[in-house]
Amino acid sequence: MMTHEKLLAGVLAALLVATACAHAVAQDRATFRRMPMREYVDKMKAGWIGQMAGVGWGAPTEFRFKGVIIPEDKVPKWTPGWINQFNQDDIYVEMTFMQTLEDYGFDVSIRQAGIDFANSKYKLWHANRYGRENLRKGIAPPDSGHPKFNGHADDIDYQIESDYSGLIAPGMPQIPVELGQKFGRLMNYGDGVYAGQFVGAMYSAAFFETDIVKVITEAQRAIPAKSQYAEMVRDVLTWYEADKDNWQATWARIEKKYHNDPNYTHGKCSPPGGKGKFSIDAKLNGAYILMGLLYGKGDIDKTIVIAMRCGQDSDCNPSNAGGILCTAIGYSKLPERFTSKLNTKGKFSHTRYDFPGLVAVSKKLVRQAVVRCGGRIETDKAGKEILVIPVKAVTPSELLQTRTPGPVANSKQSV
């Protein structure tokens, strides 16, 4: 028979094992979040739809209202067929980055990313255009986006095409930071890159958070706090908290600092302006994204329309805002008017993807992203995938400023 001492020792050992297991489970719950693949797909699909809705709705107004608020009676009425935005640079450029990741994985070199971008055939403008021209001339990345070679480095370009980086990284803001360093540096620098990293991080946060202020606050951590872009985010949040109902008053504050003040805009194609003055600066247009998200208060129509009515690049900004909000909402909860006319067979310009193909590649890449960040893919009792996503603090890129840029790499390439 077992002695009293042995019995007691056995009980204590069992308690220790049980305590250790409970601690391990608690620790796992504290450091990982679980998202069923079906839930991921629902939110990811909504993010793509939100982008397409925003750019389609705002397209008739693009750059027709500069330094002024678009009058309410000039806002177009939503037409369900506008969801089919297969020829918009807001959408198709990021598909090039998705294709590069699909072909080469997350460890793809910035040089290969540059070759793929240089070989794209679609029309481009501003930083994208000059970045691609630099690459085709043999100026290798990251110099292709450096202010010495690209005067448009603080333009909106990577901001409008960074949505993909968060849509394949639910709850993993480090992925948008990493991808911004790889793809954003092809055409942008400093605030132009941080703009895209911030937008991507907002998408990442929107998979787990519906409070827009919290989404923005979480995404702030993904960019250098001393950058002007981060300053803009803080300003807009402060102005919103001061007046949560009068978005036009906040618009006026943004206009004064980020459009009229020469210390906060650049001269290439976004000089200090005012009424009627063109600006494609990432900070100014990024502020308009936040305007839609904050003052839209969770309503898709209001979010898109307010971001649009701020003017300037009034299809790109509602595209970003609509995509982030719809990610938080989910495809299954979207109003039918945004999904009923979707052409699932339409191909995005100069890409290999239709909408189902886009969903498939997003699923493929999110699996890789989860593992890359230290997570794993599990299956439930029904054999359905579950993304086990690590909760980690994000580390921003180093601080770079277009006005006082760092040295160039002086590297060359052939394409």
Protein backbone atom coordinates (compact mmCIF):
# COMPACT_ATOMS: atom_id res chain seq x y z
CA MET A 1 0.00 0.00 0.00
CA MET A 2 1.06 3.58 -0.65
CA THR A 3 2.35 5.34 2.48
CA HIS A 4 0.73 8.55 3.70
CA GLU A 5 3.87 10.51 2.70
CA LYS A 6 3.87 9.07 -0.82
CA LEU A 7 0.18 9.81 -1.24
CA LEU A 8 0.68 13.39 -0.11
CA ALA A 9 3.65 13.81 -2.43
CA GLY A 10 1.59 12.50 -5.34
CA VAL A 11 -1.23 14.91 -4.61
CA LEU A 12 1.20 17.83 -4.39
CA ALA A 13 2.83 16.83 -7.66
CA ALA A 14 -0.55 16.64 -9.38
CA LEU A 15 -1.46 20.07 -8.01
CA LEU A 16 1.80 21.51 -9.28
CA VAL A 17 1.20 20.07 -12.74
CA ALA A 18 -2.38 21.38 -12.75
CA THR A 19 -1.21 24.82 -11.60
CA ALA A 20 1.52 24.90 -14.25
CA CYS A 21 -0.96 23.88 -16.95
CA ALA A 22 -3.43 26.52 -15.81
CA HIS A 23 -0.67 29.13 -15.81
CA ALA A 24 0.40 28.07 -19.29
CA VAL A 25 -3.18 28.33 -20.56
CA ALA A 26 -3.60 31.75 -18.94
CA GLN A 27 -0.29 32.91 -20.38
CA ASP A 28 -1.26 31.61 -23.82
CA ARG A 29 -4.54 33.51 -23.63
CA ALA A 30 -2.69 36.64 -22.57
CA THR A 31 -0.14 36.55 -25.39
CA PHE A 32 -2.22 35.12 -28.25
CA ARG A 33 -5.57 35.90 -29.80
CA ARG A 34 -7.58 33.34 -31.74
CA MET A 35 -9.49 34.17 -34.87
CA PRO A 36 -11.34 31.52 -36.87
CA MET A 37 -10.37 31.66 -40.53
CA ARG A 38 -14.02 32.20 -41.48
CA GLU A 39 -14.09 35.34 -39.32
CA TYR A 40 -10.83 36.55 -40.84
CA VAL A 41 -12.21 36.03 -44.35
CA ASP A 42 -15.43 37.87 -43.47
CA LYS A 43 -13.52 40.93 -42.29
CA MET A 44 -10.85 40.78 -45.00
CA LYS A 45 -13.46 40.63 -47.78
CA ALA A 46 -15.23 43.61 -46.21
CA GLY A 47 -11.96 45.55 -46.20
CA TRP A 48 -11.52 45.08 -49.94
CA ILE A 49 -15.19 45.98 -50.55
CA GLY A 50 -14.86 49.12 -48.42
CA GLN A 51 -11.90 50.25 -50.52
CA MET A 52 -13.78 49.67 -53.74
CA ALA A 53 -16.89 51.43 -52.46
CA GLY A 54 -14.92 54.46 -51.26
CA VAL A 55 -12.96 54.97 -54.46
CA GLY A 56 -15.99 54.32 -56.67
CA TRP A 57 -18.19 56.75 -54.78
CA GLY A 58 -15.57 59.48 -54.62
CA ALA A 59 -14.21 59.14 -58.17
CA PRO A 60 -16.51 61.77 -59.75
CA THR A 61 -15.18 64.39 -57.30
CA GLU A 62 -11.44 63.62 -57.41
CA PHE A 63 -9.38 66.86 -57.28
CA ARG A 64 -12.36 68.94 -58.38
CA PHE A 65 -12.51 70.60 -54.95
CA LYS A 66 -9.17 71.84 -53.62
CA GLY A 67 -8.86 73.77 -50.39
CA VAL A 68 -12.64 73.82 -50.01
CA ILE A 69 -15.28 71.52 -48.57
CA ILE A 70 -17.36 69.77 -51.21
CA PRO A 71 -20.93 71.16 -51.01
CA GLU A 72 -23.46 68.61 -49.88
CA ASP A 73 -25.45 68.94 -53.11
CA LYS A 74 -22.34 68.04 -55.13
CA VAL A 75 -21.93 64.65 -53.45
CA PRO A 76 -22.87 61.93 -55.96
CA LYS A 77 -25.56 59.43 -55.08
CA TRP A 78 -24.21 55.91 -54.51
CA THR A 79 -24.87 53.49 -57.35
CA PRO A 80 -24.37 49.76 -56.53
CA GLY A 81 -22.54 49.13 -59.82
CA TRP A 82 -19.77 51.49 -58.72
CA ILE A 83 -18.41 48.70 -56.52
CA ASN A 84 -16.62 47.22 -59.56
CA GLN A 85 -13.43 49.29 -59.42
CA PHE A 86 -11.02 47.19 -61.45
CA ASN A 87 -9.16 50.06 -63.12
CA GLN A 88 -8.26 52.26 -60.17
CA ASP A 89 -4.67 52.87 -59.10
CA ASP A 90 -5.97 52.93 -55.51
CA ILE A 91 -6.58 49.20 -55.95
CA TYR A 92 -4.41 47.67 -58.65
CA VAL A 93 -0.99 48.92 -57.49
CA GLU A 94 -1.19 47.05 -54.19
CA MET A 95 -2.05 43.90 -56.15
CA THR A 96 1.47 44.05 -57.60
CA PHE A 97 2.81 43.88 -54.05
CA MET A 98 0.45 40.99 -53.25
CA GLN A 99 1.69 39.14 -56.33
CA THR A 100 5.32 39.67 -55.35
CA LEU A 101 4.59 38.27 -51.88
CA GLU A 102 2.71 35.33 -53.38
CA ASP A 103 5.59 34.52 -55.74
CA TYR A 104 8.55 35.09 -53.41
CA GLY A 105 7.23 35.14 -49.84
CA PHE A 106 7.74 37.66 -47.06
CA ASP A 107 11.52 37.39 -47.27
CA VAL A 108 11.53 38.80 -50.80
CA SER A 109 14.26 41.38 -51.27
CA ILE A 110 13.46 45.04 -51.83
CA ARG A 111 15.40 44.69 -55.08
CA GLN A 112 13.01 42.02 -56.38
CA ALA A 113 10.06 44.11 -55.21
CA GLY A 114 11.52 46.96 -57.25
CA ILE A 115 11.93 44.79 -60.34
CA ASP A 116 8.30 43.68 -60.18
CA PHE A 117 7.10 47.26 -59.73
CA ALA A 118 9.35 48.51 -62.55
CA ASN A 119 7.87 45.89 -64.89
CA SER A 120 4.25 46.89 -64.17
CA LYS A 121 2.30 48.23 -67.15
CA TYR A 122 -0.48 50.37 -65.65
CA LYS A 123 -0.62 54.17 -65.58
CA LEU A 124 0.90 55.91 -62.58
CA TRP A 125 1.21 59.43 -61.21
CA HIS A 126 3.33 61.42 -58.74
CA ALA A 127 5.61 59.42 -56.41
CA ASN A 128 4.58 56.12 -58.01
CA ARG A 129 5.38 57.39 -61.48
CA TYR A 130 8.77 58.82 -60.61
CA GLY A 131 9.68 55.90 -58.39
CA ARG A 132 8.99 53.50 -61.26
CA GLU A 133 10.89 55.70 -63.71
CA ASN A 134 13.86 55.72 -61.34
CA LEU A 135 13.76 51.93 -61.14
CA ARG A 136 13.62 51.65 -64.92
CA LYS A 137 16.63 53.96 -65.16
CA GLY A 138 18.57 51.58 -62.91
CA ILE A 139 18.26 53.55 -59.65
CA ALA A 140 17.75 50.69 -57.21
CA PRO A 141 15.51 50.84 -54.14
CA PRO A 142 15.44 52.41 -51.65
CA ASP A 143 17.03 55.25 -53.65
CA SER A 144 14.07 55.15 -56.06
CA GLY A 145 12.00 56.81 -53.33
CA HIS A 146 14.75 58.98 -51.84
CA PRO A 147 14.13 62.77 -52.01
CA LYS A 148 17.37 63.22 -53.97
CA PHE A 149 15.86 61.25 -56.85
CA ASN A 150 12.13 61.60 -56.16
CA GLY A 151 10.75 65.02 -55.30
CA HIS A 152 7.35 63.46 -54.63
CA ALA A 153 8.57 61.39 -51.69
CA ASP A 154 6.00 62.84 -49.25
CA ASP A 155 3.09 62.34 -51.64
CA ILE A 156 0.08 60.17 -50.94
CA ASP A 157 1.08 57.21 -53.10
CA TYR A 158 2.02 54.47 -50.63
CA GLN A 159 -0.77 55.62 -48.33
CA ILE A 160 -3.40 54.83 -50.96
CA GLU A 161 -1.96 51.40 -51.77
CA SER A 162 -0.98 50.12 -48.33
CA ASP A 163 -4.35 48.61 -47.40
CA TYR A 164 -3.13 45.14 -48.42
CA SER A 165 -0.47 45.19 -45.70
CA GLY A 166 -3.04 45.31 -42.90
CA LEU A 167 -5.60 43.10 -44.60
CA ILE A 168 -3.13 40.20 -44.49
CA ALA A 169 -2.01 41.00 -40.93
CA PRO A 170 -4.91 40.91 -38.45
CA GLY A 171 -3.65 42.08 -35.07
CA MET A 172 -0.05 42.10 -36.33
CA PRO A 173 0.99 45.75 -36.95
CA GLN A 174 4.64 44.79 -37.36
CA ILE A 175 3.78 43.32 -40.76
CA PRO A 176 2.61 46.69 -42.21
CA VAL A 177 5.76 48.27 -40.80
CA GLU A 178 7.95 45.61 -42.41
CA LEU A 179 6.13 45.75 -45.74
CA GLY A 180 6.26 49.55 -45.75
CA GLN A 181 10.04 49.35 -45.56
CA LYS A 182 10.02 46.95 -48.50
CA PHE A 183 7.32 48.32 -50.82
CA GLY A 184 6.78 51.87 -49.54
CA ARG A 185 10.44 52.74 -50.07
CA LEU A 186 10.11 52.00 -53.78
CA MET A 187 8.43 55.38 -54.27
CA ASN A 188 8.20 57.20 -50.92
CA TYR A 189 10.34 58.34 -47.99
CA GLY A 190 9.78 59.52 -44.43
CA ASP A 191 6.17 60.64 -43.88
CA GLY A 192 5.22 59.17 -47.25
CA VAL A 193 6.20 55.73 -45.94
CA TYR A 194 4.82 56.26 -42.43
CA ALA A 195 1.47 57.17 -43.97
CA GLY A 196 1.18 53.69 -45.47
CA GLN A 197 2.46 51.96 -42.36
CA PHE A 198 -0.14 53.82 -40.31
CA VAL A 199 -2.99 52.95 -42.66
CA GLY A 200 -1.89 49.31 -42.70
CA ALA A 201 -1.72 49.28 -38.91
CA MET A 202 -5.27 50.69 -38.70
CA TYR A 203 -6.50 47.76 -40.79
CA SER A 204 -4.61 45.37 -38.50
CA ALA A 205 -6.28 46.89 -35.45
CA ALA A 206 -9.74 46.92 -37.07
CA PHE A 207 -9.85 43.10 -37.11
CA PHE A 208 -10.13 43.11 -33.30
CA GLU A 209 -11.39 46.61 -32.44
CA THR A 210 -14.51 48.53 -33.45
CA ASP A 211 -13.83 51.71 -31.45
CA ILE A 212 -12.29 53.97 -34.09
CA VAL A 213 -10.38 56.10 -31.59
CA LYS A 214 -8.75 52.93 -30.26
CA VAL A 215 -8.00 51.75 -33.80
CA ILE A 216 -6.21 55.04 -34.51
CA THR A 217 -4.42 55.08 -31.17
CA GLU A 218 -3.14 51.54 -31.64
CA ALA A 219 -1.94 52.32 -35.16
CA GLN A 220 -0.07 55.40 -33.93
CA ARG A 221 2.42 53.11 -32.25
CA ALA A 222 3.53 51.79 -35.65
CA ILE A 223 5.14 55.07 -36.77
CA PRO A 224 7.86 57.27 -35.26
CA ALA A 225 6.32 59.58 -32.64
CA LYS A 226 8.55 62.48 -33.71
CA SER A 227 7.46 62.39 -37.35
CA GLN A 228 5.16 65.09 -38.69
CA TYR A 229 2.72 62.40 -39.73
CA ALA A 230 2.40 61.25 -36.11
CA GLU A 231 1.99 64.89 -35.09
CA MET A 232 -0.89 65.18 -37.56
CA VAL A 233 -2.59 62.11 -36.06
CA ARG A 234 -2.29 63.57 -32.56
CA ASP A 235 -3.64 66.91 -33.77
CA VAL A 236 -6.71 65.41 -35.42
CA LEU A 237 -7.51 63.31 -32.36
CA THR A 238 -7.16 66.39 -30.13
CA TRP A 239 -9.34 68.53 -32.38
CA TYR A 240 -11.94 65.78 -32.57
CA GLU A 241 -12.07 65.44 -28.79
CA ALA A 242 -12.55 69.21 -28.53
CA ASP A 243 -15.49 69.17 -30.95
CA LYS A 244 -16.99 65.77 -31.76
CA ASP A 245 -19.95 67.11 -33.72
CA ASN A 246 -18.60 69.87 -35.97
CA TRP A 247 -16.33 68.17 -38.50
CA GLN A 248 -16.10 71.31 -40.62
CA ALA A 249 -14.45 73.20 -37.73
CA THR A 250 -11.84 70.47 -37.48
CA TRP A 251 -11.39 70.59 -41.27
CA ALA A 252 -10.58 74.32 -40.96
CA ARG A 253 -7.90 73.59 -38.34
CA ILE A 254 -6.38 70.93 -40.61
CA GLU A 255 -6.44 73.33 -43.54
CA LYS A 256 -4.65 76.05 -41.57
CA LYS A 257 -1.79 73.84 -40.39
CA TYR A 258 -1.40 71.10 -42.98
CA HIS A 259 -2.27 72.98 -46.17
CA ASN A 260 -1.35 76.62 -45.53
CA ASP A 261 1.71 76.36 -43.27
CA PRO A 262 4.93 75.90 -45.30
CA ASN A 263 6.46 74.02 -42.38
CA TYR A 264 3.96 71.20 -42.83
CA THR A 265 3.69 70.73 -46.57
CA HIS A 266 6.22 70.39 -49.35
CA GLY A 267 6.75 72.32 -52.54
CA LYS A 268 6.89 69.82 -55.40
CA CYS A 269 3.18 69.33 -55.99
CA SER A 270 1.71 70.31 -52.62
CA PRO A 271 2.93 73.87 -51.99
CA PRO A 272 1.41 75.98 -49.22
CA GLY A 273 -2.05 76.69 -50.49
CA GLY A 274 -5.59 77.61 -49.68
CA LYS A 275 -8.75 77.75 -51.70
CA GLY A 276 -8.28 76.22 -55.15
CA LYS A 277 -4.73 75.01 -54.41
CA PHE A 278 -3.83 71.42 -55.25
CA SER A 279 -2.23 69.17 -52.62
CA ILE A 280 -1.40 65.50 -52.67
CA ASP A 281 0.65 65.64 -49.48
CA ALA A 282 0.29 62.46 -47.41
CA LYS A 283 -0.31 64.29 -44.12
CA LEU A 284 -3.12 66.51 -45.40
CA ASN A 285 -4.93 63.69 -47.17
CA GLY A 286 -4.22 61.33 -44.29
CA ALA A 287 -5.99 63.80 -42.00
CA TYR A 288 -9.03 63.52 -44.26
CA ILE A 289 -9.03 59.73 -43.82
CA LEU A 290 -9.19 60.28 -40.07
CA MET A 291 -11.95 62.85 -40.49
CA GLY A 292 -14.15 60.29 -42.19
CA LEU A 293 -13.40 57.59 -39.63
CA LEU A 294 -13.92 59.79 -36.58
CA TYR A 295 -16.89 61.89 -37.61
CA GLY A 296 -18.54 59.05 -39.52
CA LYS A 297 -19.08 57.41 -36.12
CA GLY A 298 -19.29 53.87 -37.48
CA ASP A 299 -21.70 54.64 -40.33
CA ILE A 300 -20.30 53.55 -43.71
CA ASP A 301 -22.09 56.21 -45.76
CA LYS A 302 -21.14 59.06 -43.42
CA THR A 303 -17.54 57.84 -43.16
CA ILE A 304 -17.06 57.75 -46.93
CA VAL A 305 -18.94 61.00 -47.59
CA ILE A 306 -17.12 63.05 -44.94
CA ALA A 307 -13.71 61.80 -46.13
CA MET A 308 -14.82 62.69 -49.66
CA ARG A 309 -16.19 66.13 -48.79
CA CYS A 310 -12.84 67.15 -47.30
CA GLY A 311 -11.70 67.49 -50.93
CA GLN A 312 -8.35 67.08 -52.69
CA ASP A 313 -7.78 63.35 -53.42
CA SER A 314 -11.41 62.68 -52.65
CA ASP A 315 -11.59 59.13 -53.97
CA CYS A 316 -8.39 57.79 -52.38
CA ASN A 317 -9.17 59.10 -48.90
CA PRO A 318 -12.68 57.63 -48.65
CA SER A 319 -11.27 54.40 -50.07
CA ASN A 320 -8.87 54.06 -47.13
CA ALA A 321 -11.51 55.16 -44.62
CA GLY A 322 -14.19 52.89 -46.05
CA GLY A 323 -11.85 49.91 -46.12
CA ILE A 324 -10.80 50.29 -42.49
CA LEU A 325 -14.35 50.73 -41.21
CA CYS A 326 -15.74 47.84 -43.27
CA THR A 327 -12.97 45.59 -41.94
CA ALA A 328 -14.22 46.30 -38.43
CA ILE A 329 -17.82 45.61 -39.51
CA GLY A 330 -17.37 42.44 -41.60
CA TYR A 331 -18.72 41.38 -44.99
CA SER A 332 -21.73 39.54 -43.59
CA LYS A 333 -22.96 42.78 -41.97
CA LEU A 334 -22.45 45.10 -44.95
CA PRO A 335 -25.52 46.69 -46.53
CA GLU A 336 -26.55 44.85 -49.66
CA ARG A 337 -26.11 47.97 -51.78
CA PHE A 338 -22.34 47.53 -51.43
CA THR A 339 -22.25 43.87 -52.44
CA SER A 340 -25.24 43.09 -54.67
CA LYS A 341 -23.61 44.14 -57.96
CA LEU A 342 -20.07 42.86 -57.35
CA ASN A 343 -18.68 41.25 -60.50
CA THR A 344 -16.72 38.31 -59.14
CA LYS A 345 -15.27 37.57 -62.58
CA GLY A 346 -13.84 41.05 -63.19
CA LYS A 347 -10.04 41.19 -63.29
CA PHE A 348 -8.16 43.99 -61.57
CA SER A 349 -6.18 45.90 -64.19
CA HIS A 350 -2.83 44.34 -65.13
CA THR A 351 -3.03 41.75 -62.34
CA ARG A 352 -3.77 38.02 -62.10
CA TYR A 353 -6.59 38.55 -59.60
CA ASP A 354 -10.36 38.69 -59.71
CA PHE A 355 -12.21 39.11 -56.39
CA PRO A 356 -12.24 35.38 -55.48
CA GLY A 357 -8.56 35.19 -56.42
CA LEU A 358 -7.84 38.19 -54.21
CA VAL A 359 -9.57 36.49 -51.29
CA ALA A 360 -7.60 33.29 -51.93
CA VAL A 361 -4.20 35.00 -52.02
CA SER A 362 -5.07 36.99 -48.89
CA LYS A 363 -5.80 33.70 -47.07
CA LYS A 364 -2.52 32.25 -48.31
CA LEU A 365 -0.51 35.26 -47.14
CA VAL A 366 -2.21 35.62 -43.76
CA ARG A 367 -1.17 32.08 -42.87
CA GLN A 368 2.44 33.01 -43.63
CA ALA A 369 2.15 36.28 -41.71
CA VAL A 370 0.85 34.55 -38.57
CA VAL A 371 3.72 32.05 -38.54
CA ARG A 372 6.22 34.81 -39.35
CA CYS A 373 5.10 36.72 -36.26
CA GLY A 374 5.44 33.69 -34.00
CA GLY A 375 1.87 32.41 -34.18
CA ARG A 376 0.44 29.20 -35.55
CA ILE A 377 -2.48 27.72 -37.44
CA GLU A 378 -4.71 25.32 -35.47
CA THR A 379 -7.80 23.36 -36.45
CA ASP A 380 -10.97 22.93 -34.39
CA LYS A 381 -12.93 19.71 -33.93
CA ALA A 382 -14.68 20.30 -37.26
CA GLY A 383 -11.35 20.67 -39.06
CA LYS A 384 -11.74 24.42 -39.52
CA GLU A 385 -8.67 26.64 -39.37
CA ILE A 386 -8.02 28.98 -36.48
CA LEU A 387 -5.41 31.72 -36.64
CA VAL A 388 -3.48 31.88 -33.35
CA ILE A 389 -2.10 35.39 -33.46
CA PRO A 390 0.63 36.64 -31.09
CA VAL A 391 0.07 39.87 -29.19
CA LYS A 392 3.29 41.85 -29.51
CA ALA A 393 4.36 45.46 -29.17
CA VAL A 394 5.18 47.07 -32.50
CA THR A 395 8.57 48.62 -33.30
CA PRO A 396 8.40 51.56 -35.72
CA SER A 397 10.87 52.26 -38.50
CA GLU A 398 13.69 54.71 -37.89
CA LEU A 399 12.86 58.40 -38.14
CA LEU A 400 13.57 59.82 -41.60
CA GLN A 401 12.57 63.28 -42.79
CA THR A 402 12.25 64.46 -46.36
CA ARG A 403 13.47 67.98 -45.54
CA THR A 404 16.69 66.62 -44.04
CA PRO A 405 17.10 63.20 -45.65
CA GLY A 406 19.71 60.64 -44.83
CA PRO A 407 22.39 59.46 -47.25
CA VAL A 408 21.57 57.62 -50.46
CA ALA A 409 22.61 54.01 -51.01
CA ASN A 410 23.99 54.69 -54.51
CA SER A 411 23.04 51.23 -55.65
CA LYS A 412 22.15 50.39 -59.24
CA GLN A 413 20.12 47.62 -60.86
CA SER A 414 18.90 46.45 -64.22
CA VAL A 415 15.30 45.41 -64.85
